[in-house]
Amino acid sequence: LGGFPHYGIVKEDYMMLKGAIVGPKKRVITLRKSIVPVTSRAAEEKIKLKFIDTSSKFGHGRFQTAEEKSKFLGTLKRRA
């Protein structure tokens, strides 16, 4: 459940980027070290990650896992 809209489920390692990147959705991006050292306070701040939302961004997006969805929906006709 979940994945990225218009891309799908990513099974390999990935990196989330803040902001916008011009071009098509699946464009290859080269990451490199900055030439100018970053000295702003926002860049030096430690990231405190609390929650990663894995629900679908299409439809209602209620369920984080397949187990949670099957528990809520119960036995469906196709599984019977």
C-alpha atoms as a PDB file:
ATOM      1  CA  LEU A   1       0.000   0.000   0.000  1.00  0.00           C
ATOM      2  CA  GLY A   2       1.272   3.376  -0.789  1.00  0.00           C
ATOM      3  CA  GLY A   3       4.208   4.041  -3.059  1.00  0.00           C
ATOM      4  CA  PHE A   4       4.708   7.261  -4.946  1.00  0.00           C
ATOM      5  CA  PRO A   5       1.969   8.711  -7.216  1.00  0.00           C
ATOM      6  CA  HIS A   6       2.620   7.968 -10.927  1.00  0.00           C
ATOM      7  CA  TYR A   7       5.690   5.903  -9.965  1.00  0.00           C
ATOM      8  CA  GLY A   8       4.600   2.994  -7.811  1.00  0.00           C
ATOM      9  CA  ILE A   9       6.310   1.059  -5.044  1.00  0.00           C
ATOM     10  CA  VAL A  10      10.075   1.551  -4.829  1.00  0.00           C
ATOM     11  CA  LYS A  11      11.869  -1.637  -3.791  1.00  0.00           C
ATOM     12  CA  GLU A  12      15.425  -0.235  -3.692  1.00  0.00           C
ATOM     13  CA  ASP A  13      17.013   2.488  -1.553  1.00  0.00           C
ATOM     14  CA  TYR A  14      15.747   5.980  -2.296  1.00  0.00           C
ATOM     15  CA  MET A  15      16.219   9.572  -1.154  1.00  0.00           C
ATOM     16  CA  MET A  16      13.519  12.184  -0.621  1.00  0.00           C
ATOM     17  CA  LEU A  17      14.402  15.635  -1.942  1.00  0.00           C
ATOM     18  CA  LYS A  18      12.873  18.845  -0.665  1.00  0.00           C
ATOM     19  CA  GLY A  19      11.754  21.304  -3.303  1.00  0.00           C
ATOM     20  CA  ALA A  20      11.242  20.891  -7.033  1.00  0.00           C
ATOM     21  CA  ILE A  21      13.246  19.230  -9.781  1.00  0.00           C
ATOM     22  CA  VAL A  22      12.505  20.246 -13.356  1.00  0.00           C
ATOM     23  CA  GLY A  23      11.802  17.517 -15.890  1.00  0.00           C
ATOM     24  CA  PRO A  24      10.012  14.177 -16.107  1.00  0.00           C
ATOM     25  CA  LYS A  25       9.093  12.222 -12.956  1.00  0.00           C
ATOM     26  CA  LYS A  26      11.679   9.464 -13.462  1.00  0.00           C
ATOM     27  CA  ARG A  27      14.590  11.732 -14.425  1.00  0.00           C
ATOM     28  CA  VAL A  28      18.000  10.521 -13.275  1.00  0.00           C
ATOM     29  CA  ILE A  29      19.555  13.002 -10.839  1.00  0.00           C
ATOM     30  CA  THR A  30      23.258  13.281 -10.050  1.00  0.00           C
ATOM     31  CA  LEU A  31      24.005  14.188  -6.428  1.00  0.00           C
ATOM     32  CA  ARG A  32      27.344  15.768  -5.538  1.00  0.00           C
ATOM     33  CA  LYS A  33      28.943  17.666  -2.675  1.00  0.00           C
ATOM     34  CA  SER A  34      28.393  21.415  -2.597  1.00  0.00           C
ATOM     35  CA  ILE A  35      31.207  23.599  -3.920  1.00  0.00           C
ATOM     36  CA  VAL A  36      30.341  26.387  -1.466  1.00  0.00           C
ATOM     37  CA  PRO A  37      30.182  25.234   2.184  1.00  0.00           C
ATOM     38  CA  VAL A  38      26.685  25.543   3.689  1.00  0.00           C
ATOM     39  CA  THR A  39      26.708  27.641   6.857  1.00  0.00           C
ATOM     40  CA  SER A  40      23.020  28.342   7.478  1.00  0.00           C
ATOM     41  CA  ARG A  41      21.463  27.201  10.754  1.00  0.00           C
ATOM     42  CA  ALA A  42      18.704  25.296   8.917  1.00  0.00           C
ATOM     43  CA  ALA A  43      21.285  23.162   7.083  1.00  0.00           C
ATOM     44  CA  GLU A  44      23.176  22.316  10.289  1.00  0.00           C
ATOM     45  CA  GLU A  45      20.035  21.322  12.202  1.00  0.00           C
ATOM     46  CA  LYS A  46      19.646  17.603  12.973  1.00  0.00           C
ATOM     47  CA  ILE A  47      16.622  15.918  11.407  1.00  0.00           C
ATOM     48  CA  LYS A  48      14.193  14.280  13.842  1.00  0.00           C
ATOM     49  CA  LEU A  49      12.093  11.877  11.787  1.00  0.00           C
ATOM     50  CA  LYS A  50       8.974  10.790  13.662  1.00  0.00           C
ATOM     51  CA  PHE A  51       6.701   9.110  11.095  1.00  0.00           C
ATOM     52  CA  ILE A  52       6.731   8.006   7.459  1.00  0.00           C
ATOM     53  CA  ASP A  53       3.284   7.892   5.867  1.00  0.00           C
ATOM     54  CA  THR A  54       2.991   4.789   3.670  1.00  0.00           C
ATOM     55  CA  SER A  55      -0.707   5.141   2.859  1.00  0.00           C
ATOM     56  CA  SER A  56      -1.778   5.653  -0.748  1.00  0.00           C
ATOM     57  CA  LYS A  57      -1.900   9.200  -2.061  1.00  0.00           C
ATOM     58  CA  PHE A  58      -4.683   8.163  -4.473  1.00  0.00           C
ATOM     59  CA  GLY A  59      -8.197   7.541  -3.199  1.00  0.00           C
ATOM     60  CA  HIS A  60      -8.765   7.749   0.536  1.00  0.00           C
ATOM     61  CA  GLY A  61      -5.365   6.502   1.722  1.00  0.00           C
ATOM     62  CA  ARG A  62      -6.494   5.033   5.041  1.00  0.00           C
ATOM     63  CA  PHE A  63      -4.232   2.018   5.494  1.00  0.00           C
ATOM     64  CA  GLN A  64      -0.503   1.913   6.271  1.00  0.00           C
ATOM     65  CA  THR A  65      -0.020  -1.844   5.692  1.00  0.00           C
ATOM     66  CA  ALA A  66      -1.737  -4.682   3.811  1.00  0.00           C
ATOM     67  CA  GLU A  67      -2.418  -6.460   7.127  1.00  0.00           C
ATOM     68  CA  GLU A  68      -4.215  -3.391   8.474  1.00  0.00           C
ATOM     69  CA  LYS A  69      -6.350  -3.218   5.317  1.00  0.00           C
ATOM     70  CA  SER A  70      -7.264  -6.925   5.361  1.00  0.00           C
ATOM     71  CA  LYS A  71      -8.092  -6.766   9.080  1.00  0.00           C
ATOM     72  CA  PHE A  72     -10.441  -3.821   8.491  1.00  0.00           C
ATOM     73  CA  LEU A  73     -12.131  -5.196   5.342  1.00  0.00           C
ATOM     74  CA  GLY A  74     -12.416  -8.791   6.509  1.00  0.00           C
ATOM     75  CA  THR A  75     -12.910 -11.678   4.074  1.00  0.00           C
ATOM     76  CA  LEU A  76     -13.454 -10.498   0.524  1.00  0.00           C
ATOM     77  CA  LYS A  77     -15.174 -12.435  -2.259  1.00  0.00           C
ATOM     78  CA  ARG A  78     -11.992 -12.999  -4.309  1.00  0.00           C
ATOM     79  CA  ARG A  79     -10.106 -14.416  -1.287  1.00  0.00           C
ATOM     80  CA  ALA A  80     -12.885 -16.820  -0.342  1.00  0.00           C
END
